[in-house]
């Protein structure tokens, strides 16, 4: 089988596979440990290097932790991402500590501000006690290597984040419906490319 293609991910300079392992399907369940482990290990075997999760994806982070704790040698070869949907600094900090513990790692390659939907979200996240400062601090201290933002609802909201936040990557919808309706692909994605970021499908 041909090797999976790779590209540079956003501003990170890191090469990742163009196909990644997301956090849906069996990975967004509880109690299906053997099946989830098999999926993660098969992805590694197939050469996948981008692994995505989120605190709100049921047992996804725990499943990853069961693999990376037992196989730290495999962890070195992957680009590991997770997300926090908390809007306030203190809550995001707690999310990160829980994510690291659940995933059995000391650092994340990418930590993303999850599911930004409204201008009210923007106000809370970038405010004095907002989560954005927790993400920036985590990067500055080296706990996470890069920070990103994800959104699937309003391209204007996500575009604001791309233009005004110090993010290294952005995750947005990329599908035939979005291609027809416009917004993310013809507005947000060009902004991300201009900033040197990477639009990745959600």
N, C-alpha and C. Protein backbone atom coordinates (compact mmCIF):
# COMPACT_ATOMS: atom_id res chain seq x y z
N UNK A 1 0.84 -1.19 0.00
CA UNK A 1 0.00 0.00 0.00
C UNK A 1 0.88 1.24 0.00
N UNK A 2 0.50 2.25 -0.77
CA UNK A 2 1.28 3.48 -0.86
C UNK A 2 1.28 4.21 0.48
N UNK A 3 2.37 4.90 0.75
CA UNK A 3 2.48 5.66 1.99
C UNK A 3 1.48 6.82 1.97
N UNK A 4 0.96 7.16 3.15
CA UNK A 4 0.02 8.28 3.27
C UNK A 4 0.80 9.58 3.05
N UNK A 5 0.21 10.48 2.24
CA UNK A 5 0.86 11.76 1.97
C UNK A 5 0.98 12.62 3.21
N UNK A 6 1.90 13.55 3.18
CA UNK A 6 2.12 14.44 4.31
C UNK A 6 2.15 15.89 3.85
N UNK A 7 1.88 16.80 4.79
CA UNK A 7 2.07 18.23 4.52
C UNK A 7 2.44 18.92 5.81
N UNK A 8 2.92 20.15 5.69
CA UNK A 8 3.27 20.94 6.86
C UNK A 8 2.00 21.45 7.51
N UNK A 9 1.88 21.28 8.82
CA UNK A 9 0.66 21.64 9.53
C UNK A 9 0.72 23.08 10.03
N UNK A 10 -0.05 23.94 9.36
CA UNK A 10 -0.19 25.32 9.81
C UNK A 10 1.14 26.03 9.96
N UNK A 11 1.28 26.80 11.03
CA UNK A 11 2.50 27.55 11.31
C UNK A 11 3.54 26.70 12.03
N UNK A 12 3.21 25.44 12.30
CA UNK A 12 4.04 24.66 13.19
C UNK A 12 5.36 24.23 12.58
N UNK A 13 5.41 24.09 11.26
CA UNK A 13 6.60 23.55 10.62
C UNK A 13 6.68 22.04 10.71
N UNK A 14 5.75 21.42 11.43
CA UNK A 14 5.74 19.97 11.58
C UNK A 14 5.00 19.33 10.41
N UNK A 15 5.55 18.25 9.90
CA UNK A 15 4.87 17.49 8.87
C UNK A 15 3.93 16.48 9.52
N UNK A 16 2.70 16.42 9.01
CA UNK A 16 1.75 15.42 9.47
C UNK A 16 1.11 14.78 8.24
N UNK A 17 0.49 13.64 8.44
CA UNK A 17 -0.20 12.99 7.34
C UNK A 17 -1.44 13.78 6.95
N UNK A 18 -1.78 13.77 5.66
CA UNK A 18 -2.95 14.50 5.19
C UNK A 18 -4.24 13.86 5.68
N UNK A 19 -4.17 12.62 6.11
CA UNK A 19 -5.29 11.92 6.74
C UNK A 19 -4.96 11.74 8.21
N UNK A 20 -5.89 12.08 9.07
CA UNK A 20 -5.65 11.93 10.50
C UNK A 20 -6.70 11.03 11.14
N UNK A 21 -6.45 10.64 12.37
CA UNK A 21 -7.44 9.87 13.13
C UNK A 21 -8.21 10.83 14.01
N UNK A 22 -9.50 10.99 13.73
CA UNK A 22 -10.35 11.88 14.52
C UNK A 22 -10.88 11.21 15.77
N UNK A 23 -11.80 11.89 16.43
CA UNK A 23 -12.30 11.40 17.71
C UNK A 23 -13.72 10.89 17.68
N UNK A 24 -14.22 10.54 16.51
CA UNK A 24 -15.60 10.05 16.40
C UNK A 24 -15.62 8.51 16.36
N UNK A 25 -16.77 7.95 16.01
CA UNK A 25 -16.90 6.50 15.93
C UNK A 25 -16.66 5.85 17.28
N UNK A 26 -15.93 4.76 17.28
CA UNK A 26 -15.70 4.02 18.51
C UNK A 26 -14.90 4.84 19.52
N UNK A 27 -14.16 5.83 19.04
CA UNK A 27 -13.37 6.64 19.97
C UNK A 27 -14.23 7.63 20.75
N UNK A 28 -15.48 7.83 20.32
CA UNK A 28 -16.36 8.73 21.08
C UNK A 28 -17.41 7.89 21.81
N UNK A 29 -16.92 6.97 22.59
CA UNK A 29 -17.76 6.08 23.38
C UNK A 29 -17.15 5.94 24.76
N UNK A 30 -17.80 5.14 25.60
CA UNK A 30 -17.23 4.71 26.87
C UNK A 30 -17.24 3.19 26.90
N UNK A 31 -16.23 2.61 27.51
CA UNK A 31 -16.23 1.18 27.78
C UNK A 31 -15.89 0.27 26.62
N UNK A 32 -15.41 0.81 25.52
CA UNK A 32 -15.04 -0.05 24.37
C UNK A 32 -13.53 -0.01 24.18
N UNK A 33 -12.83 -0.36 25.25
CA UNK A 33 -11.38 -0.17 25.32
C UNK A 33 -10.63 -0.97 24.27
N UNK A 34 -10.94 -2.24 24.13
CA UNK A 34 -10.20 -3.09 23.20
C UNK A 34 -10.37 -2.60 21.76
N UNK A 35 -11.61 -2.25 21.40
CA UNK A 35 -11.86 -1.78 20.03
C UNK A 35 -11.15 -0.45 19.76
N UNK A 36 -11.23 0.46 20.74
CA UNK A 36 -10.61 1.77 20.56
C UNK A 36 -9.09 1.63 20.46
N UNK A 37 -8.51 0.80 21.31
CA UNK A 37 -7.06 0.57 21.25
C UNK A 37 -6.66 0.02 19.89
N UNK A 38 -7.47 -0.92 19.39
CA UNK A 38 -7.17 -1.51 18.09
C UNK A 38 -7.19 -0.47 16.98
N UNK A 39 -8.14 0.47 17.04
CA UNK A 39 -8.23 1.53 16.03
C UNK A 39 -6.99 2.42 16.08
N UNK A 40 -6.61 2.84 17.27
CA UNK A 40 -5.45 3.73 17.41
C UNK A 40 -4.17 3.04 16.92
N UNK A 41 -3.98 1.80 17.33
CA UNK A 41 -2.78 1.07 16.93
C UNK A 41 -2.77 0.79 15.43
N UNK A 42 -3.93 0.53 14.85
CA UNK A 42 -3.98 0.31 13.40
C UNK A 42 -3.64 1.60 12.66
N UNK A 43 -4.09 2.73 13.17
CA UNK A 43 -3.76 4.01 12.55
C UNK A 43 -2.24 4.22 12.57
N UNK A 44 -1.61 3.91 13.69
CA UNK A 44 -0.15 4.02 13.77
C UNK A 44 0.49 3.08 12.75
N UNK A 45 0.00 1.86 12.70
CA UNK A 45 0.54 0.87 11.77
C UNK A 45 0.43 1.32 10.32
N UNK A 46 -0.64 2.03 10.01
CA UNK A 46 -0.85 2.51 8.64
C UNK A 46 -0.06 3.78 8.32
N UNK A 47 0.67 4.28 9.30
CA UNK A 47 1.51 5.45 9.08
C UNK A 47 0.86 6.78 9.38
N UNK A 48 -0.34 6.78 9.96
CA UNK A 48 -1.01 8.02 10.35
C UNK A 48 -0.21 8.69 11.46
N UNK A 49 -0.03 10.01 11.36
CA UNK A 49 0.71 10.71 12.41
C UNK A 49 -0.11 11.79 13.11
N UNK A 50 -1.26 12.19 12.56
CA UNK A 50 -2.09 13.22 13.20
C UNK A 50 -3.22 12.54 13.96
N UNK A 51 -3.28 12.74 15.29
CA UNK A 51 -4.29 12.12 16.14
C UNK A 51 -5.03 13.21 16.89
N UNK A 52 -6.34 13.26 16.70
CA UNK A 52 -7.17 14.34 17.25
C UNK A 52 -8.12 13.80 18.31
N UNK A 53 -8.29 14.55 19.37
CA UNK A 53 -9.23 14.18 20.43
C UNK A 53 -9.82 15.46 21.01
N UNK A 54 -10.62 15.32 22.05
CA UNK A 54 -11.18 16.47 22.77
C UNK A 54 -11.69 15.99 24.12
N UNK A 55 -11.66 16.89 25.06
CA UNK A 55 -12.14 16.55 26.40
C UNK A 55 -13.59 16.10 26.38
N UNK A 56 -14.39 16.66 25.47
CA UNK A 56 -15.82 16.35 25.45
C UNK A 56 -16.16 15.13 24.58
N UNK A 57 -15.15 14.46 24.01
CA UNK A 57 -15.41 13.29 23.16
C UNK A 57 -15.48 12.01 23.99
N UNK A 58 -16.41 11.98 24.93
CA UNK A 58 -16.65 10.79 25.73
C UNK A 58 -15.33 10.25 26.29
N UNK A 59 -15.01 8.97 26.02
CA UNK A 59 -13.80 8.37 26.56
C UNK A 59 -12.58 8.47 25.67
N UNK A 60 -12.63 9.32 24.66
CA UNK A 60 -11.55 9.38 23.66
C UNK A 60 -10.18 9.61 24.29
N UNK A 61 -10.06 10.58 25.17
CA UNK A 61 -8.76 10.88 25.77
C UNK A 61 -8.26 9.70 26.60
N UNK A 62 -9.18 9.02 27.29
CA UNK A 62 -8.79 7.86 28.08
C UNK A 62 -8.28 6.73 27.19
N UNK A 63 -8.93 6.52 26.06
CA UNK A 63 -8.48 5.49 25.13
C UNK A 63 -7.06 5.78 24.65
N UNK A 64 -6.81 7.04 24.30
CA UNK A 64 -5.47 7.41 23.89
C UNK A 64 -4.47 7.16 25.02
N UNK A 65 -4.85 7.51 26.22
CA UNK A 65 -3.96 7.32 27.35
C UNK A 65 -3.55 5.87 27.55
N UNK A 66 -4.48 4.96 27.30
CA UNK A 66 -4.17 3.54 27.46
C UNK A 66 -3.11 3.08 26.46
N UNK A 67 -3.07 3.75 25.31
CA UNK A 67 -2.05 3.40 24.30
C UNK A 67 -0.73 4.09 24.61
N UNK A 68 -0.75 5.42 24.81
CA UNK A 68 0.52 6.15 24.94
C UNK A 68 1.25 5.83 26.24
N UNK A 69 0.52 5.52 27.31
CA UNK A 69 1.21 5.12 28.55
C UNK A 69 1.99 3.83 28.37
N UNK A 70 1.38 2.89 27.66
CA UNK A 70 2.01 1.59 27.48
C UNK A 70 3.00 1.56 26.33
N UNK A 71 2.88 2.50 25.40
CA UNK A 71 3.77 2.54 24.24
C UNK A 71 4.31 3.96 24.03
N UNK A 72 5.10 4.46 24.98
CA UNK A 72 5.66 5.82 24.81
C UNK A 72 6.53 5.94 23.58
N UNK A 73 7.06 4.82 23.10
CA UNK A 73 7.86 4.85 21.88
C UNK A 73 7.02 5.27 20.68
N UNK A 74 5.74 4.90 20.67
CA UNK A 74 4.84 5.29 19.58
C UNK A 74 4.45 6.75 19.69
N UNK A 75 4.33 7.25 20.90
CA UNK A 75 3.94 8.65 21.12
C UNK A 75 4.91 9.61 20.44
N UNK A 76 6.18 9.26 20.42
CA UNK A 76 7.19 10.15 19.86
C UNK A 76 6.95 10.44 18.38
N UNK A 77 6.32 9.51 17.68
CA UNK A 77 6.15 9.67 16.24
C UNK A 77 4.84 10.29 15.81
N UNK A 78 3.99 10.70 16.78
CA UNK A 78 2.69 11.23 16.40
C UNK A 78 2.55 12.69 16.80
N UNK A 79 1.65 13.36 16.10
CA UNK A 79 1.28 14.75 16.40
C UNK A 79 -0.06 14.66 17.12
N UNK A 80 -0.04 14.89 18.43
CA UNK A 80 -1.20 14.63 19.28
C UNK A 80 -1.93 15.93 19.62
N UNK A 81 -3.22 15.95 19.31
CA UNK A 81 -4.03 17.16 19.52
C UNK A 81 -5.23 16.86 20.40
N UNK A 82 -5.61 17.83 21.22
CA UNK A 82 -6.88 17.76 21.93
C UNK A 82 -7.44 19.17 22.07
N UNK A 83 -8.59 19.28 22.75
CA UNK A 83 -9.32 20.54 22.75
C UNK A 83 -9.98 20.79 24.10
N UNK A 84 -10.23 22.05 24.38
CA UNK A 84 -11.04 22.46 25.53
C UNK A 84 -12.11 23.42 25.05
N UNK A 85 -13.34 23.18 25.50
CA UNK A 85 -14.46 24.06 25.16
C UNK A 85 -14.74 25.07 26.27
N UNK A 86 -13.90 25.12 27.28
CA UNK A 86 -14.10 26.08 28.36
C UNK A 86 -13.82 27.49 27.85
N UNK A 87 -14.57 28.44 28.36
CA UNK A 87 -14.44 29.82 27.92
C UNK A 87 -13.66 30.69 28.89
N UNK A 88 -13.42 30.21 30.10
CA UNK A 88 -12.72 31.00 31.11
C UNK A 88 -11.35 30.40 31.42
N UNK A 89 -10.43 31.27 31.80
CA UNK A 89 -9.04 30.89 32.03
C UNK A 89 -8.91 29.73 33.02
N UNK A 90 -9.50 29.86 34.18
CA UNK A 90 -9.35 28.85 35.23
C UNK A 90 -9.89 27.50 34.79
N UNK A 91 -11.03 27.52 34.11
CA UNK A 91 -11.63 26.26 33.65
C UNK A 91 -10.77 25.60 32.57
N UNK A 92 -10.22 26.40 31.66
CA UNK A 92 -9.36 25.85 30.62
C UNK A 92 -8.10 25.25 31.24
N UNK A 93 -7.53 25.90 32.23
CA UNK A 93 -6.35 25.35 32.91
C UNK A 93 -6.66 23.98 33.51
N UNK A 94 -7.81 23.86 34.15
CA UNK A 94 -8.19 22.57 34.73
C UNK A 94 -8.40 21.53 33.64
N UNK A 95 -9.00 21.95 32.53
CA UNK A 95 -9.20 21.03 31.41
C UNK A 95 -7.87 20.48 30.92
N UNK A 96 -6.88 21.35 30.79
CA UNK A 96 -5.59 20.91 30.26
C UNK A 96 -4.94 19.88 31.19
N UNK A 97 -4.97 20.14 32.48
CA UNK A 97 -4.38 19.18 33.42
C UNK A 97 -5.10 17.84 33.35
N UNK A 98 -6.42 17.87 33.23
CA UNK A 98 -7.17 16.62 33.12
C UNK A 98 -6.86 15.91 31.81
N UNK A 99 -6.76 16.68 30.72
CA UNK A 99 -6.44 16.08 29.42
C UNK A 99 -5.09 15.39 29.45
N UNK A 100 -4.07 16.04 30.00
CA UNK A 100 -2.74 15.45 30.06
C UNK A 100 -2.76 14.16 30.88
N UNK A 101 -3.49 14.19 31.99
CA UNK A 101 -3.55 13.00 32.84
C UNK A 101 -4.30 11.87 32.14
N UNK A 102 -5.42 12.20 31.51
CA UNK A 102 -6.21 11.17 30.83
C UNK A 102 -5.44 10.57 29.65
N UNK A 103 -4.70 11.41 28.93
CA UNK A 103 -4.00 10.94 27.74
C UNK A 103 -2.63 10.35 28.06
N UNK A 104 -2.22 10.45 29.32
CA UNK A 104 -0.97 9.83 29.72
C UNK A 104 0.26 10.46 29.12
N UNK A 105 0.22 11.78 28.93
CA UNK A 105 1.35 12.49 28.32
C UNK A 105 1.70 13.72 29.16
N UNK A 106 2.90 14.24 28.95
CA UNK A 106 3.32 15.44 29.66
C UNK A 106 3.10 16.70 28.84
N UNK A 107 3.03 16.55 27.52
CA UNK A 107 2.81 17.70 26.64
C UNK A 107 1.86 17.30 25.51
N UNK A 108 1.22 18.31 24.92
CA UNK A 108 0.42 18.14 23.71
C UNK A 108 1.11 18.87 22.57
N UNK A 109 0.98 18.32 21.38
CA UNK A 109 1.49 19.04 20.22
C UNK A 109 0.57 20.20 19.85
N UNK A 110 -0.73 19.99 19.99
CA UNK A 110 -1.70 21.03 19.64
C UNK A 110 -2.86 21.00 20.62
N UNK A 111 -3.13 22.16 21.22
CA UNK A 111 -4.29 22.31 22.11
C UNK A 111 -5.19 23.37 21.48
N UNK A 112 -6.47 23.02 21.29
CA UNK A 112 -7.36 23.88 20.51
C UNK A 112 -8.53 24.42 21.34
N UNK A 113 -8.85 25.68 21.11
CA UNK A 113 -10.05 26.30 21.68
C UNK A 113 -11.22 25.77 20.88
N UNK A 114 -12.08 25.01 21.53
CA UNK A 114 -13.02 24.14 20.84
C UNK A 114 -14.39 24.79 20.58
N UNK A 115 -14.86 24.63 19.36
CA UNK A 115 -16.26 24.89 19.01
C UNK A 115 -16.68 26.33 19.32
N UNK A 116 -15.95 27.28 18.77
CA UNK A 116 -16.30 28.69 18.96
C UNK A 116 -17.45 29.03 18.02
N UNK A 117 -18.58 29.41 18.59
CA UNK A 117 -19.82 29.53 17.80
C UNK A 117 -20.30 30.96 17.61
N UNK A 118 -20.18 31.79 18.63
CA UNK A 118 -20.85 33.09 18.62
C UNK A 118 -19.89 34.21 19.00
N UNK A 119 -20.33 35.44 18.76
CA UNK A 119 -19.54 36.59 19.18
C UNK A 119 -19.52 36.72 20.71
N UNK A 120 -20.52 36.15 21.37
CA UNK A 120 -20.48 36.10 22.83
C UNK A 120 -19.34 35.19 23.28
N UNK A 121 -19.15 34.06 22.57
CA UNK A 121 -18.01 33.18 22.86
C UNK A 121 -16.70 33.95 22.73
N UNK A 122 -16.57 34.68 21.63
CA UNK A 122 -15.36 35.46 21.40
C UNK A 122 -15.09 36.42 22.55
N UNK A 123 -16.13 37.12 22.98
CA UNK A 123 -15.99 38.09 24.06
C UNK A 123 -15.49 37.42 25.33
N UNK A 124 -16.09 36.27 25.66
CA UNK A 124 -15.69 35.57 26.89
C UNK A 124 -14.26 35.04 26.79
N UNK A 125 -13.92 34.42 25.65
CA UNK A 125 -12.63 33.77 25.49
C UNK A 125 -11.49 34.77 25.50
N UNK A 126 -11.68 35.93 24.86
CA UNK A 126 -10.58 36.89 24.77
C UNK A 126 -10.64 37.97 25.85
N UNK A 127 -11.58 37.85 26.77
CA UNK A 127 -11.72 38.81 27.86
C UNK A 127 -10.62 38.65 28.91
N UNK A 128 -10.61 39.52 29.93
CA UNK A 128 -9.56 39.52 30.96
C UNK A 128 -9.40 38.18 31.67
N UNK A 129 -10.49 37.47 31.89
CA UNK A 129 -10.43 36.16 32.56
C UNK A 129 -10.71 35.03 31.58
N UNK A 130 -10.53 35.30 30.30
CA UNK A 130 -10.90 34.35 29.28
C UNK A 130 -9.91 33.23 29.06
N UNK A 131 -10.36 32.21 28.36
CA UNK A 131 -9.56 31.01 28.14
C UNK A 131 -8.35 31.27 27.25
N UNK A 132 -8.42 32.26 26.36
CA UNK A 132 -7.32 32.50 25.43
C UNK A 132 -6.01 32.68 26.17
N UNK A 133 -6.02 33.39 27.28
CA UNK A 133 -4.78 33.63 28.02
C UNK A 133 -4.23 32.33 28.59
N UNK A 134 -5.10 31.38 28.94
CA UNK A 134 -4.63 30.08 29.44
C UNK A 134 -3.93 29.31 28.32
N UNK A 135 -4.46 29.40 27.11
CA UNK A 135 -3.84 28.73 25.97
C UNK A 135 -2.47 29.34 25.67
N UNK A 136 -2.40 30.65 25.68
CA UNK A 136 -1.12 31.33 25.41
C UNK A 136 -0.09 30.97 26.48
N UNK A 137 -0.49 30.96 27.73
CA UNK A 137 0.42 30.61 28.82
C UNK A 137 0.91 29.17 28.69
N UNK A 138 0.01 28.27 28.31
CA UNK A 138 0.40 26.86 28.15
C UNK A 138 1.45 26.71 27.06
N UNK A 139 1.32 27.49 26.00
CA UNK A 139 2.33 27.45 24.93
C UNK A 139 3.64 28.06 25.41
N UNK A 140 3.55 29.17 26.11
CA UNK A 140 4.77 29.86 26.56
C UNK A 140 5.57 29.00 27.54
N UNK A 141 4.89 28.19 28.32
CA UNK A 141 5.58 27.33 29.29
C UNK A 141 5.99 25.99 28.69
N UNK A 142 5.58 25.71 27.46
CA UNK A 142 5.99 24.49 26.79
C UNK A 142 5.12 23.28 27.08
N UNK A 143 4.02 23.47 27.82
CA UNK A 143 3.13 22.34 28.09
C UNK A 143 2.43 21.92 26.81
N UNK A 144 2.12 22.90 25.97
CA UNK A 144 1.62 22.60 24.62
C UNK A 144 2.55 23.29 23.62
N UNK A 145 2.75 22.64 22.50
CA UNK A 145 3.67 23.21 21.51
C UNK A 145 3.00 24.27 20.65
N UNK A 146 1.73 24.04 20.34
CA UNK A 146 1.00 24.96 19.46
C UNK A 146 -0.43 25.08 19.95
N UNK A 147 -1.08 26.21 19.59
CA UNK A 147 -2.48 26.39 19.95
C UNK A 147 -3.31 26.65 18.69
N UNK A 148 -4.56 26.25 18.76
CA UNK A 148 -5.44 26.40 17.61
C UNK A 148 -6.85 26.75 18.05
N UNK A 149 -7.72 26.91 17.06
CA UNK A 149 -9.12 27.21 17.31
C UNK A 149 -9.96 26.38 16.36
N UNK A 150 -11.13 25.95 16.81
CA UNK A 150 -12.04 25.19 15.95
C UNK A 150 -13.42 25.84 15.96
N UNK A 151 -14.10 25.75 14.84
CA UNK A 151 -15.46 26.28 14.74
C UNK A 151 -16.17 25.67 13.55
N UNK A 152 -17.47 25.45 13.71
CA UNK A 152 -18.24 24.78 12.67
C UNK A 152 -19.57 25.48 12.38
N UNK A 153 -19.75 26.69 12.94
CA UNK A 153 -21.07 27.31 12.88
C UNK A 153 -21.10 28.63 12.12
N UNK A 154 -20.22 29.55 12.45
CA UNK A 154 -20.28 30.89 11.87
C UNK A 154 -18.90 31.28 11.34
N UNK A 155 -18.74 31.38 10.03
CA UNK A 155 -17.42 31.72 9.49
C UNK A 155 -16.94 33.10 9.93
N UNK A 156 -17.85 34.04 10.17
CA UNK A 156 -17.42 35.36 10.64
C UNK A 156 -16.78 35.29 12.02
N UNK A 157 -17.36 34.45 12.87
CA UNK A 157 -16.81 34.27 14.22
C UNK A 157 -15.43 33.63 14.14
N UNK A 158 -15.31 32.57 13.35
CA UNK A 158 -14.02 31.89 13.24
C UNK A 158 -12.99 32.79 12.56
N UNK A 159 -13.42 33.57 11.60
CA UNK A 159 -12.50 34.49 10.92
C UNK A 159 -11.94 35.51 11.91
N UNK A 160 -12.77 36.00 12.82
CA UNK A 160 -12.30 36.94 13.84
C UNK A 160 -11.18 36.30 14.66
N UNK A 161 -11.37 35.05 15.06
CA UNK A 161 -10.36 34.37 15.86
C UNK A 161 -9.06 34.22 15.08
N UNK A 162 -9.16 33.84 13.82
CA UNK A 162 -7.97 33.65 12.99
C UNK A 162 -7.21 34.96 12.83
N UNK A 163 -7.93 36.05 12.65
CA UNK A 163 -7.29 37.34 12.43
C UNK A 163 -6.72 37.96 13.70
N UNK A 164 -7.32 37.67 14.85
CA UNK A 164 -6.98 38.42 16.05
C UNK A 164 -6.32 37.62 17.17
N UNK A 165 -6.36 36.30 17.09
CA UNK A 165 -5.76 35.49 18.14
C UNK A 165 -4.43 34.92 17.67
N UNK A 166 -3.50 34.68 18.58
CA UNK A 166 -2.18 34.14 18.19
C UNK A 166 -2.21 32.63 18.03
N UNK A 167 -3.07 32.15 17.12
CA UNK A 167 -3.22 30.71 16.92
C UNK A 167 -2.31 30.22 15.80
N UNK A 168 -1.92 28.97 15.90
CA UNK A 168 -1.06 28.35 14.90
C UNK A 168 -1.84 27.53 13.89
N UNK A 169 -3.10 27.22 14.18
CA UNK A 169 -3.89 26.36 13.29
C UNK A 169 -5.37 26.62 13.51
N UNK A 170 -6.16 26.28 12.51
CA UNK A 170 -7.61 26.43 12.60
C UNK A 170 -8.28 25.20 11.99
N UNK A 171 -9.33 24.72 12.66
CA UNK A 171 -10.12 23.59 12.17
C UNK A 171 -11.50 24.11 11.79
N UNK A 172 -11.94 23.77 10.57
CA UNK A 172 -13.23 24.26 10.07
C UNK A 172 -13.87 23.21 9.19
N UNK A 173 -15.16 23.36 8.85
CA UNK A 173 -15.81 22.39 7.98
C UNK A 173 -15.29 22.48 6.55
N UNK A 174 -15.01 21.34 5.97
CA UNK A 174 -14.64 21.24 4.56
C UNK A 174 -15.42 20.08 3.97
N UNK A 175 -16.47 20.37 3.23
CA UNK A 175 -17.33 19.33 2.67
C UNK A 175 -18.12 19.92 1.50
N UNK A 176 -18.83 19.09 0.73
CA UNK A 176 -19.56 19.62 -0.44
C UNK A 176 -20.61 20.68 -0.09
N UNK A 177 -21.29 20.51 1.05
CA UNK A 177 -22.32 21.50 1.43
C UNK A 177 -21.66 22.84 1.71
N UNK A 178 -20.57 22.82 2.47
CA UNK A 178 -19.87 24.06 2.76
C UNK A 178 -19.35 24.69 1.48
N UNK A 179 -18.88 23.86 0.56
CA UNK A 179 -18.40 24.38 -0.71
C UNK A 179 -19.47 25.11 -1.48
N UNK A 180 -20.72 24.64 -1.35
CA UNK A 180 -21.84 25.28 -2.04
C UNK A 180 -22.32 26.54 -1.33
N UNK A 181 -22.38 26.49 0.01
CA UNK A 181 -22.91 27.62 0.77
C UNK A 181 -21.90 28.75 0.92
N UNK A 182 -20.62 28.39 1.02
CA UNK A 182 -19.59 29.41 1.19
C UNK A 182 -19.47 29.88 2.62
N UNK A 183 -18.43 30.64 2.86
CA UNK A 183 -18.20 31.20 4.19
C UNK A 183 -16.86 30.75 4.74
N UNK A 184 -16.78 29.50 5.17
CA UNK A 184 -15.53 29.00 5.73
C UNK A 184 -14.45 28.88 4.65
N UNK A 185 -14.81 28.33 3.50
CA UNK A 185 -13.80 28.07 2.48
C UNK A 185 -13.40 29.32 1.71
N UNK A 186 -14.34 30.24 1.51
CA UNK A 186 -13.98 31.42 0.72
C UNK A 186 -13.68 32.64 1.58
N UNK A 187 -13.84 32.54 2.90
CA UNK A 187 -13.53 33.67 3.78
C UNK A 187 -12.49 33.28 4.83
N UNK A 188 -12.81 32.29 5.65
CA UNK A 188 -11.92 31.93 6.75
C UNK A 188 -10.64 31.26 6.26
N UNK A 189 -10.77 30.33 5.33
CA UNK A 189 -9.59 29.61 4.86
C UNK A 189 -8.53 30.53 4.24
N UNK A 190 -8.93 31.50 3.38
CA UNK A 190 -7.90 32.43 2.87
C UNK A 190 -7.21 33.22 3.97
N UNK A 191 -7.94 33.60 5.01
CA UNK A 191 -7.33 34.31 6.13
C UNK A 191 -6.30 33.43 6.84
N UNK A 192 -6.65 32.15 7.00
CA UNK A 192 -5.73 31.22 7.64
C UNK A 192 -4.47 31.05 6.81
N UNK A 193 -4.65 30.93 5.50
CA UNK A 193 -3.48 30.78 4.62
C UNK A 193 -2.61 32.03 4.65
N UNK A 194 -3.24 33.18 4.69
CA UNK A 194 -2.49 34.44 4.74
C UNK A 194 -1.68 34.54 6.01
N UNK A 195 -2.27 34.02 7.11
CA UNK A 195 -1.58 34.06 8.39
C UNK A 195 -0.56 32.94 8.54
N UNK A 196 -0.54 32.03 7.56
CA UNK A 196 0.39 30.92 7.63
C UNK A 196 -0.17 29.73 8.35
N UNK A 197 -1.48 29.77 8.66
CA UNK A 197 -2.13 28.67 9.36
C UNK A 197 -2.61 27.62 8.40
N UNK A 198 -3.22 26.60 8.96
CA UNK A 198 -3.68 25.47 8.15
C UNK A 198 -5.15 25.22 8.43
N UNK A 199 -6.00 25.26 7.38
CA UNK A 199 -7.38 24.88 7.55
C UNK A 199 -7.50 23.38 7.51
N UNK A 200 -8.10 22.80 8.52
CA UNK A 200 -8.24 21.34 8.56
C UNK A 200 -9.69 21.01 8.77
N UNK A 201 -10.16 19.98 8.08
CA UNK A 201 -11.59 19.65 8.14
C UNK A 201 -11.97 19.17 9.52
N UNK A 202 -13.19 19.50 9.92
CA UNK A 202 -13.68 19.05 11.21
C UNK A 202 -14.81 18.08 11.05
